[in-house]
Amino acid sequence: MNFSRQMLASGPHIPGHVLQHCDETRTIVIDGGVNIFSRTDYALLMLLLQYAQDGQPFVPFTDLALCFQQLHSNPRRSLSKRINSIRERLWPYGLDIVNREIRDILYLPALFLHNRQMVMS
């Protein structure tokens, strides 16, 4: 699917990076690098980026599950596979997604996006 730079909207805004996106083509441009995602991966990454932009370090599993068109028998495994795939595409830009288990009533996992350079310094 083709897109033009005019189709891109600015953001989400992550300190130290320039991001643009196009919902129609499921494209995210990170620091000039063009990345086209599947419908589910795009929805997941945009949700994570939005939470990071808003300064919310954790994304509840219930919100992440809404990104899937249909839930699989093992949603945690499906989510983990998708996140690992997305992570590899973020590494060249110094970004990462870290999966952390948090304990609450339902033992739901949460994810957060962080700038790898900030963590390493």
N, C-alpha and C. Protein backbone atom coordinates (compact mmCIF):
# COMPACT_ATOMS: atom_id res chain seq x y z
N MET A 1 0.84 -1.17 0.00
CA MET A 1 0.00 0.00 0.00
C MET A 1 0.89 1.24 0.00
N ASN A 2 0.60 2.15 -0.87
CA ASN A 2 1.39 3.36 -0.99
C ASN A 2 0.84 4.46 -0.09
N PHE A 3 1.73 5.34 0.31
CA PHE A 3 1.29 6.50 1.07
C PHE A 3 2.17 7.67 0.66
N SER A 4 1.69 8.85 0.90
CA SER A 4 2.49 10.03 0.64
C SER A 4 2.75 10.72 1.97
N ARG A 5 3.78 11.49 2.00
CA ARG A 5 4.14 12.20 3.23
C ARG A 5 3.02 13.14 3.68
N GLN A 6 2.19 13.59 2.73
CA GLN A 6 1.09 14.48 3.08
C GLN A 6 0.04 13.76 3.91
N MET A 7 -0.02 12.43 3.83
CA MET A 7 -1.01 11.66 4.58
C MET A 7 -0.62 11.50 6.05
N LEU A 8 0.61 11.84 6.39
CA LEU A 8 1.12 11.60 7.74
C LEU A 8 0.68 12.67 8.73
N ALA A 9 0.26 12.23 9.90
CA ALA A 9 -0.05 13.13 11.01
C ALA A 9 1.12 13.11 11.98
N SER A 10 1.35 14.19 12.64
CA SER A 10 2.43 14.27 13.62
C SER A 10 2.09 13.48 14.87
N GLY A 11 3.13 12.88 15.48
CA GLY A 11 2.96 12.21 16.77
C GLY A 11 2.69 10.74 16.63
N PRO A 12 2.53 10.08 17.73
CA PRO A 12 2.64 10.56 19.11
C PRO A 12 4.02 11.16 19.41
N HIS A 13 4.07 11.97 20.43
CA HIS A 13 5.30 12.70 20.75
C HIS A 13 6.07 11.97 21.85
N ILE A 14 7.25 11.46 21.45
CA ILE A 14 8.14 10.75 22.36
C ILE A 14 9.43 11.53 22.43
N PRO A 15 9.86 11.98 23.62
CA PRO A 15 11.07 12.78 23.73
C PRO A 15 12.28 12.14 23.03
N GLY A 16 12.97 12.95 22.24
CA GLY A 16 14.16 12.48 21.55
C GLY A 16 13.89 11.82 20.21
N HIS A 17 12.63 11.75 19.80
CA HIS A 17 12.27 11.09 18.54
C HIS A 17 11.23 11.91 17.80
N VAL A 18 11.23 11.75 16.47
CA VAL A 18 10.21 12.37 15.63
C VAL A 18 9.36 11.25 15.07
N LEU A 19 8.07 11.27 15.43
CA LEU A 19 7.14 10.24 14.95
C LEU A 19 6.02 10.88 14.16
N GLN A 20 5.63 10.17 13.10
CA GLN A 20 4.48 10.53 12.30
C GLN A 20 3.73 9.24 12.04
N HIS A 21 2.44 9.35 11.76
CA HIS A 21 1.67 8.14 11.51
C HIS A 21 0.54 8.38 10.51
N CYS A 22 0.09 7.28 9.93
CA CYS A 22 -1.05 7.31 9.02
C CYS A 22 -1.91 6.10 9.35
N ASP A 23 -3.09 6.35 9.89
CA ASP A 23 -4.00 5.27 10.26
C ASP A 23 -4.45 4.46 9.03
N GLU A 24 -4.69 5.16 7.93
CA GLU A 24 -5.20 4.50 6.73
C GLU A 24 -4.26 3.42 6.19
N THR A 25 -2.96 3.72 6.20
CA THR A 25 -1.98 2.76 5.66
C THR A 25 -1.26 1.99 6.76
N ARG A 26 -1.62 2.26 8.02
CA ARG A 26 -0.98 1.62 9.18
C ARG A 26 0.54 1.81 9.14
N THR A 27 0.92 3.05 8.86
CA THR A 27 2.33 3.41 8.74
C THR A 27 2.75 4.29 9.91
N ILE A 28 3.91 3.98 10.47
CA ILE A 28 4.50 4.82 11.50
C ILE A 28 5.92 5.15 11.03
N VAL A 29 6.21 6.44 10.95
CA VAL A 29 7.54 6.90 10.57
C VAL A 29 8.24 7.31 11.87
N ILE A 30 9.37 6.66 12.15
CA ILE A 30 10.13 6.94 13.36
C ILE A 30 11.49 7.46 12.94
N ASP A 31 11.78 8.69 13.30
CA ASP A 31 13.06 9.32 12.96
C ASP A 31 13.40 9.15 11.49
N GLY A 32 12.39 9.27 10.63
CA GLY A 32 12.59 9.19 9.19
C GLY A 32 12.46 7.79 8.61
N GLY A 33 12.46 6.76 9.45
CA GLY A 33 12.34 5.38 8.98
C GLY A 33 10.87 4.97 8.84
N VAL A 34 10.50 4.48 7.68
CA VAL A 34 9.12 4.12 7.39
C VAL A 34 8.86 2.67 7.82
N ASN A 35 7.80 2.47 8.60
CA ASN A 35 7.41 1.14 9.10
C ASN A 35 5.93 0.93 8.86
N ILE A 36 5.60 -0.12 8.11
CA ILE A 36 4.21 -0.46 7.84
C ILE A 36 3.87 -1.71 8.64
N PHE A 37 2.76 -1.65 9.37
CA PHE A 37 2.39 -2.71 10.30
C PHE A 37 1.08 -3.39 9.90
N SER A 38 0.89 -4.58 10.43
CA SER A 38 -0.41 -5.24 10.31
C SER A 38 -1.42 -4.42 11.11
N ARG A 39 -2.69 -4.69 10.89
CA ARG A 39 -3.75 -3.95 11.60
C ARG A 39 -3.58 -4.07 13.13
N THR A 40 -3.34 -5.29 13.61
CA THR A 40 -3.22 -5.52 15.05
C THR A 40 -1.95 -4.89 15.61
N ASP A 41 -0.82 -5.09 14.93
CA ASP A 41 0.44 -4.52 15.41
C ASP A 41 0.40 -3.00 15.43
N TYR A 42 -0.22 -2.40 14.42
CA TYR A 42 -0.35 -0.95 14.38
C TYR A 42 -1.18 -0.45 15.57
N ALA A 43 -2.30 -1.12 15.82
CA ALA A 43 -3.16 -0.72 16.94
C ALA A 43 -2.42 -0.85 18.27
N LEU A 44 -1.69 -1.94 18.45
CA LEU A 44 -0.92 -2.14 19.69
C LEU A 44 0.13 -1.06 19.87
N LEU A 45 0.92 -0.83 18.82
CA LEU A 45 2.00 0.14 18.95
C LEU A 45 1.47 1.55 19.15
N MET A 46 0.42 1.92 18.44
CA MET A 46 -0.14 3.26 18.63
C MET A 46 -0.67 3.42 20.05
N LEU A 47 -1.28 2.39 20.60
CA LEU A 47 -1.75 2.45 21.99
C LEU A 47 -0.57 2.63 22.95
N LEU A 48 0.48 1.85 22.75
CA LEU A 48 1.67 1.97 23.61
C LEU A 48 2.30 3.35 23.50
N LEU A 49 2.40 3.86 22.29
CA LEU A 49 2.99 5.18 22.08
C LEU A 49 2.12 6.27 22.71
N GLN A 50 0.81 6.12 22.62
CA GLN A 50 -0.09 7.11 23.23
C GLN A 50 0.07 7.13 24.75
N TYR A 51 0.15 5.95 25.34
CA TYR A 51 0.36 5.89 26.79
C TYR A 51 1.70 6.52 27.17
N ALA A 52 2.74 6.22 26.38
CA ALA A 52 4.06 6.80 26.67
C ALA A 52 4.02 8.32 26.53
N GLN A 53 3.37 8.81 25.50
CA GLN A 53 3.23 10.25 25.29
C GLN A 53 2.54 10.92 26.48
N ASP A 54 1.53 10.25 27.02
CA ASP A 54 0.78 10.80 28.14
C ASP A 54 1.47 10.61 29.48
N GLY A 55 2.68 10.03 29.46
CA GLY A 55 3.43 9.84 30.70
C GLY A 55 2.93 8.69 31.55
N GLN A 56 2.13 7.83 30.97
CA GLN A 56 1.62 6.66 31.70
C GLN A 56 2.52 5.47 31.35
N PRO A 57 3.32 5.01 32.27
CA PRO A 57 4.31 3.99 31.94
C PRO A 57 3.74 2.59 31.71
N PHE A 58 2.53 2.32 32.17
CA PHE A 58 1.97 0.98 32.02
C PHE A 58 0.67 1.01 31.24
N VAL A 59 0.49 -0.02 30.42
CA VAL A 59 -0.75 -0.17 29.65
C VAL A 59 -1.45 -1.42 30.16
N PRO A 60 -2.65 -1.31 30.67
CA PRO A 60 -3.35 -2.49 31.18
C PRO A 60 -3.64 -3.50 30.08
N PHE A 61 -3.60 -4.75 30.45
CA PHE A 61 -3.88 -5.84 29.51
C PHE A 61 -5.25 -5.67 28.87
N THR A 62 -6.22 -5.21 29.64
CA THR A 62 -7.57 -5.04 29.11
C THR A 62 -7.60 -4.07 27.94
N ASP A 63 -6.80 -3.00 28.00
CA ASP A 63 -6.72 -2.05 26.89
C ASP A 63 -6.00 -2.68 25.69
N LEU A 64 -4.93 -3.42 25.97
CA LEU A 64 -4.19 -4.09 24.89
C LEU A 64 -5.05 -5.12 24.17
N ALA A 65 -5.88 -5.82 24.92
CA ALA A 65 -6.72 -6.86 24.33
C ALA A 65 -7.70 -6.27 23.31
N LEU A 66 -8.06 -5.01 23.47
CA LEU A 66 -8.99 -4.36 22.53
C LEU A 66 -8.38 -4.19 21.14
N CYS A 67 -7.06 -4.32 21.03
CA CYS A 67 -6.38 -4.17 19.75
C CYS A 67 -6.52 -5.40 18.86
N PHE A 68 -6.94 -6.50 19.44
CA PHE A 68 -7.08 -7.74 18.68
C PHE A 68 -8.48 -7.82 18.09
N GLN A 69 -8.57 -8.24 16.83
CA GLN A 69 -9.87 -8.39 16.19
C GLN A 69 -10.64 -9.56 16.81
N GLN A 70 -9.90 -10.59 17.20
CA GLN A 70 -10.50 -11.71 17.90
C GLN A 70 -9.49 -12.23 18.92
N LEU A 71 -9.97 -12.61 20.07
CA LEU A 71 -9.08 -13.11 21.11
C LEU A 71 -8.82 -14.59 20.88
N HIS A 72 -7.59 -14.96 21.07
CA HIS A 72 -7.18 -16.35 20.91
C HIS A 72 -7.36 -17.09 22.23
N SER A 73 -7.17 -18.39 22.20
CA SER A 73 -7.34 -19.19 23.41
C SER A 73 -6.32 -18.81 24.48
N ASN A 74 -5.15 -18.33 24.06
CA ASN A 74 -4.13 -17.90 25.00
C ASN A 74 -3.73 -16.46 24.67
N PRO A 75 -4.52 -15.48 25.14
CA PRO A 75 -4.25 -14.08 24.75
C PRO A 75 -2.90 -13.56 25.22
N ARG A 76 -2.41 -14.04 26.35
CA ARG A 76 -1.10 -13.58 26.83
C ARG A 76 0.00 -14.00 25.86
N ARG A 77 -0.08 -15.24 25.39
CA ARG A 77 0.93 -15.73 24.44
C ARG A 77 0.84 -14.96 23.12
N SER A 78 -0.37 -14.74 22.63
CA SER A 78 -0.56 -13.98 21.39
C SER A 78 0.02 -12.57 21.52
N LEU A 79 -0.28 -11.94 22.64
CA LEU A 79 0.23 -10.60 22.88
C LEU A 79 1.75 -10.60 22.97
N SER A 80 2.31 -11.56 23.66
CA SER A 80 3.76 -11.65 23.79
C SER A 80 4.44 -11.81 22.44
N LYS A 81 3.89 -12.64 21.57
CA LYS A 81 4.45 -12.84 20.24
C LYS A 81 4.41 -11.55 19.43
N ARG A 82 3.28 -10.88 19.48
CA ARG A 82 3.13 -9.62 18.74
C ARG A 82 4.10 -8.56 19.25
N ILE A 83 4.18 -8.43 20.57
CA ILE A 83 5.07 -7.43 21.16
C ILE A 83 6.52 -7.71 20.79
N ASN A 84 6.94 -8.97 20.85
CA ASN A 84 8.31 -9.30 20.48
C ASN A 84 8.60 -8.94 19.03
N SER A 85 7.65 -9.15 18.17
CA SER A 85 7.81 -8.78 16.76
C SER A 85 7.95 -7.27 16.60
N ILE A 86 7.12 -6.52 17.31
CA ILE A 86 7.18 -5.06 17.25
C ILE A 86 8.49 -4.55 17.84
N ARG A 87 8.93 -5.14 18.94
CA ARG A 87 10.16 -4.71 19.62
C ARG A 87 11.34 -4.68 18.66
N GLU A 88 11.47 -5.76 17.89
CA GLU A 88 12.59 -5.86 16.95
C GLU A 88 12.59 -4.73 15.93
N ARG A 89 11.43 -4.25 15.59
CA ARG A 89 11.34 -3.16 14.62
C ARG A 89 11.63 -1.80 15.25
N LEU A 90 11.54 -1.71 16.58
CA LEU A 90 11.81 -0.45 17.28
C LEU A 90 13.29 -0.28 17.64
N TRP A 91 13.99 -1.39 17.82
CA TRP A 91 15.38 -1.33 18.28
C TRP A 91 16.28 -0.42 17.44
N PRO A 92 16.18 -0.43 16.10
CA PRO A 92 17.06 0.46 15.33
C PRO A 92 16.91 1.94 15.67
N TYR A 93 15.79 2.30 16.28
CA TYR A 93 15.52 3.69 16.64
C TYR A 93 15.81 3.98 18.11
N GLY A 94 16.37 3.02 18.81
CA GLY A 94 16.68 3.22 20.22
C GLY A 94 15.47 3.13 21.13
N LEU A 95 14.40 2.52 20.66
CA LEU A 95 13.19 2.36 21.46
C LEU A 95 12.99 0.89 21.79
N ASP A 96 12.30 0.63 22.87
CA ASP A 96 12.04 -0.74 23.27
C ASP A 96 10.72 -0.80 24.03
N ILE A 97 10.14 -1.97 24.07
CA ILE A 97 8.95 -2.24 24.87
C ILE A 97 9.36 -3.30 25.88
N VAL A 98 9.12 -3.03 27.13
CA VAL A 98 9.49 -3.97 28.18
C VAL A 98 8.22 -4.55 28.78
N ASN A 99 8.16 -5.86 28.85
CA ASN A 99 7.01 -6.55 29.42
C ASN A 99 7.29 -6.79 30.90
N ARG A 100 6.44 -6.30 31.74
CA ARG A 100 6.59 -6.48 33.18
C ARG A 100 5.30 -7.08 33.73
N GLU A 101 5.45 -8.09 34.56
CA GLU A 101 4.29 -8.63 35.24
C GLU A 101 4.02 -7.75 36.47
N ILE A 102 2.78 -7.36 36.62
CA ILE A 102 2.41 -6.63 37.82
C ILE A 102 1.30 -7.42 38.51
N ARG A 103 1.29 -7.36 39.80
CA ARG A 103 0.28 -8.12 40.55
C ARG A 103 -0.88 -7.21 40.90
N ASP A 104 -2.01 -7.63 40.46
CA ASP A 104 -3.24 -7.00 40.93
C ASP A 104 -4.25 -8.14 41.04
N ILE A 105 -5.46 -7.82 41.19
CA ILE A 105 -6.47 -8.85 41.44
C ILE A 105 -6.49 -9.91 40.34
N LEU A 106 -6.30 -9.49 39.10
CA LEU A 106 -6.38 -10.42 37.99
C LEU A 106 -5.01 -10.86 37.46
N TYR A 107 -3.95 -10.40 38.07
CA TYR A 107 -2.59 -10.72 37.62
C TYR A 107 -2.39 -10.40 36.14
N LEU A 108 -2.76 -9.21 35.75
CA LEU A 108 -2.66 -8.82 34.35
C LEU A 108 -1.26 -8.28 34.04
N PRO A 109 -0.73 -8.65 32.89
CA PRO A 109 0.54 -8.05 32.50
C PRO A 109 0.32 -6.63 32.01
N ALA A 110 1.31 -5.82 32.12
CA ALA A 110 1.27 -4.47 31.56
C ALA A 110 2.56 -4.25 30.80
N LEU A 111 2.53 -3.33 29.88
CA LEU A 111 3.69 -3.05 29.05
C LEU A 111 4.01 -1.57 29.15
N PHE A 112 5.26 -1.26 28.95
CA PHE A 112 5.57 0.15 28.81
C PHE A 112 6.65 0.34 27.78
N LEU A 113 6.61 1.49 27.16
CA LEU A 113 7.57 1.85 26.14
C LEU A 113 8.59 2.76 26.79
N HIS A 114 9.84 2.52 26.52
CA HIS A 114 10.84 3.44 27.04
C HIS A 114 11.90 3.69 26.01
N ASN A 115 12.59 4.75 26.19
CA ASN A 115 13.68 5.13 25.30
C ASN A 115 14.92 4.42 25.80
N ARG A 116 15.46 3.51 25.01
CA ARG A 116 16.61 2.69 25.42
C ARG A 116 17.80 3.57 25.79
N GLN A 117 17.98 4.69 25.10
CA GLN A 117 19.11 5.56 25.40
C GLN A 117 18.99 6.14 26.80
N MET A 118 17.77 6.49 27.22
CA MET A 118 17.56 7.06 28.55
C MET A 118 17.87 6.02 29.63
N VAL A 119 17.51 4.77 29.39
CA VAL A 119 17.74 3.72 30.37
C VAL A 119 19.21 3.39 30.47
N MET A 120 19.92 3.43 29.33
CA MET A 120 21.33 3.05 29.31
C MET A 120 22.23 4.11 29.93
N SER A 121 21.78 5.36 29.98
CA SER A 121 22.63 6.42 30.53
C SER A 121 22.54 6.52 32.03
